[in-house]
Amino acid sequence: YLVMQAEVDALGIKQTFEQEIEAVKRADDPETEFNERFDSWIDHWEDKFAEVHGRSVPTDQRDEIVRLLVDELRSRAGVE
């Protein structure tokens, strides 16, 4: 939950995510639209969570964090 608040619901970017999600919902092909709109965010998170305080994060833990974020965005956009 804290990761969601910090990354998806953070002030300043929450509105951006909401706009992107609405665009996905309106798209003829929501899956493709989701990928186009969020691939760069996913890449950002994979890089961001690769290391914390100078220490490498195990790949499985990093993948889990990113998966939680992506699953939350997909759920909000209605893309399952």
C-alpha atoms as a PDB file:
ATOM      1  CA  TYR A   1       0.000   0.000   0.000  1.00  0.00           C
ATOM      2  CA  LEU A   2       2.779   2.457   0.839  1.00  0.00           C
ATOM      3  CA  VAL A   3       4.445   1.814  -2.502  1.00  0.00           C
ATOM      4  CA  MET A   4       1.143   2.605  -4.247  1.00  0.00           C
ATOM      5  CA  GLN A   5       0.802   5.868  -2.365  1.00  0.00           C
ATOM      6  CA  ALA A   6       4.377   6.866  -3.050  1.00  0.00           C
ATOM      7  CA  GLU A   7       4.419   5.943  -6.731  1.00  0.00           C
ATOM      8  CA  VAL A   8       0.874   6.034  -8.123  1.00  0.00           C
ATOM      9  CA  ASP A   9      -1.037   8.331  -5.790  1.00  0.00           C
ATOM     10  CA  ALA A  10       1.751  10.809  -5.114  1.00  0.00           C
ATOM     11  CA  LEU A  11       0.842  14.448  -5.320  1.00  0.00           C
ATOM     12  CA  GLY A  12       2.055  15.888  -8.565  1.00  0.00           C
ATOM     13  CA  ILE A  13       1.788  12.704 -10.628  1.00  0.00           C
ATOM     14  CA  LYS A  14      -1.573  11.352  -9.496  1.00  0.00           C
ATOM     15  CA  GLN A  15      -3.391  13.512 -12.026  1.00  0.00           C
ATOM     16  CA  THR A  16      -1.055  12.346 -14.793  1.00  0.00           C
ATOM     17  CA  PHE A  17      -1.773   8.713 -13.983  1.00  0.00           C
ATOM     18  CA  GLU A  18      -5.509   9.398 -13.856  1.00  0.00           C
ATOM     19  CA  GLN A  19      -5.387  10.989 -17.318  1.00  0.00           C
ATOM     20  CA  GLU A  20      -3.394   8.092 -18.714  1.00  0.00           C
ATOM     21  CA  ILE A  21      -5.809   5.576 -17.178  1.00  0.00           C
ATOM     22  CA  GLU A  22      -8.795   7.374 -18.685  1.00  0.00           C
ATOM     23  CA  ALA A  23      -7.123   7.278 -22.107  1.00  0.00           C
ATOM     24  CA  VAL A  24      -6.610   3.524 -21.732  1.00  0.00           C
ATOM     25  CA  LYS A  25     -10.271   3.062 -20.802  1.00  0.00           C
ATOM     26  CA  ARG A  26     -11.386   4.946 -23.931  1.00  0.00           C
ATOM     27  CA  ALA A  27      -9.019   3.130 -26.294  1.00  0.00           C
ATOM     28  CA  ASP A  28     -10.188   0.649 -28.909  1.00  0.00           C
ATOM     29  CA  ASP A  29      -7.347  -1.642 -27.839  1.00  0.00           C
ATOM     30  CA  PRO A  30      -6.834  -1.028 -24.105  1.00  0.00           C
ATOM     31  CA  GLU A  31      -3.981  -3.538 -23.778  1.00  0.00           C
ATOM     32  CA  THR A  32      -1.888  -1.863 -26.480  1.00  0.00           C
ATOM     33  CA  GLU A  33      -2.775   1.583 -25.189  1.00  0.00           C
ATOM     34  CA  PHE A  34      -1.765   0.570 -21.665  1.00  0.00           C
ATOM     35  CA  ASN A  35       1.604  -0.672 -22.884  1.00  0.00           C
ATOM     36  CA  GLU A  36       2.245   2.480 -24.900  1.00  0.00           C
ATOM     37  CA  ARG A  37       1.349   4.788 -22.036  1.00  0.00           C
ATOM     38  CA  PHE A  38       2.977   2.926 -19.161  1.00  0.00           C
ATOM     39  CA  ASP A  39       6.019   1.113 -20.575  1.00  0.00           C
ATOM     40  CA  SER A  40       8.314   4.029 -19.753  1.00  0.00           C
ATOM     41  CA  TRP A  41       6.964   4.130 -16.170  1.00  0.00           C
ATOM     42  CA  ILE A  42       7.576   0.411 -15.817  1.00  0.00           C
ATOM     43  CA  ASP A  43      11.138   0.858 -17.062  1.00  0.00           C
ATOM     44  CA  HIS A  44      11.550   3.746 -14.603  1.00  0.00           C
ATOM     45  CA  TRP A  45      10.401   1.593 -11.683  1.00  0.00           C
ATOM     46  CA  GLU A  46      12.622  -1.312 -12.686  1.00  0.00           C
ATOM     47  CA  ASP A  47      15.599   1.052 -12.615  1.00  0.00           C
ATOM     48  CA  LYS A  48      14.455   2.885  -9.490  1.00  0.00           C
ATOM     49  CA  PHE A  49      14.009  -0.245  -7.414  1.00  0.00           C
ATOM     50  CA  ALA A  50      17.174  -1.972  -8.627  1.00  0.00           C
ATOM     51  CA  GLU A  51      19.101  -0.314  -5.829  1.00  0.00           C
ATOM     52  CA  VAL A  52      18.112   1.231  -2.499  1.00  0.00           C
ATOM     53  CA  HIS A  53      20.575   3.197  -0.410  1.00  0.00           C
ATOM     54  CA  GLY A  54      23.460   1.901  -2.487  1.00  0.00           C
ATOM     55  CA  ARG A  55      22.529  -1.755  -2.064  1.00  0.00           C
ATOM     56  CA  SER A  56      21.225  -3.969  -4.829  1.00  0.00           C
ATOM     57  CA  VAL A  57      17.656  -5.172  -4.464  1.00  0.00           C
ATOM     58  CA  PRO A  58      17.267  -8.866  -5.293  1.00  0.00           C
ATOM     59  CA  THR A  59      15.642  -9.316  -8.696  1.00  0.00           C
ATOM     60  CA  ASP A  60      12.678 -11.231  -7.303  1.00  0.00           C
ATOM     61  CA  GLN A  61      11.896  -8.465  -4.808  1.00  0.00           C
ATOM     62  CA  ARG A  62      12.270  -5.747  -7.443  1.00  0.00           C
ATOM     63  CA  ASP A  63      10.040  -7.711  -9.813  1.00  0.00           C
ATOM     64  CA  GLU A  64       7.412  -8.054  -7.085  1.00  0.00           C
ATOM     65  CA  ILE A  65       7.372  -4.313  -6.390  1.00  0.00           C
ATOM     66  CA  VAL A  66       7.023  -3.503 -10.080  1.00  0.00           C
ATOM     67  CA  ARG A  67       4.361  -6.183 -10.525  1.00  0.00           C
ATOM     68  CA  LEU A  68       2.310  -4.681  -7.683  1.00  0.00           C
ATOM     69  CA  LEU A  69       2.478  -1.243  -9.294  1.00  0.00           C
ATOM     70  CA  VAL A  70       1.609  -2.546 -12.756  1.00  0.00           C
ATOM     71  CA  ASP A  71      -1.238  -4.683 -11.410  1.00  0.00           C
ATOM     72  CA  GLU A  72      -2.659  -1.643  -9.612  1.00  0.00           C
ATOM     73  CA  LEU A  73      -2.531   0.480 -12.763  1.00  0.00           C
ATOM     74  CA  ARG A  74      -4.027  -2.314 -14.865  1.00  0.00           C
ATOM     75  CA  SER A  75      -6.831  -2.732 -12.333  1.00  0.00           C
ATOM     76  CA  ARG A  76      -7.594   0.981 -12.308  1.00  0.00           C
ATOM     77  CA  ALA A  77      -7.609   1.025 -16.111  1.00  0.00           C
ATOM     78  CA  GLY A  78      -9.824  -2.058 -16.363  1.00  0.00           C
ATOM     79  CA  VAL A  79      -7.144  -4.027 -18.213  1.00  0.00           C
ATOM     80  CA  GLU A  80      -6.860  -7.498 -16.745  1.00  0.00           C
END
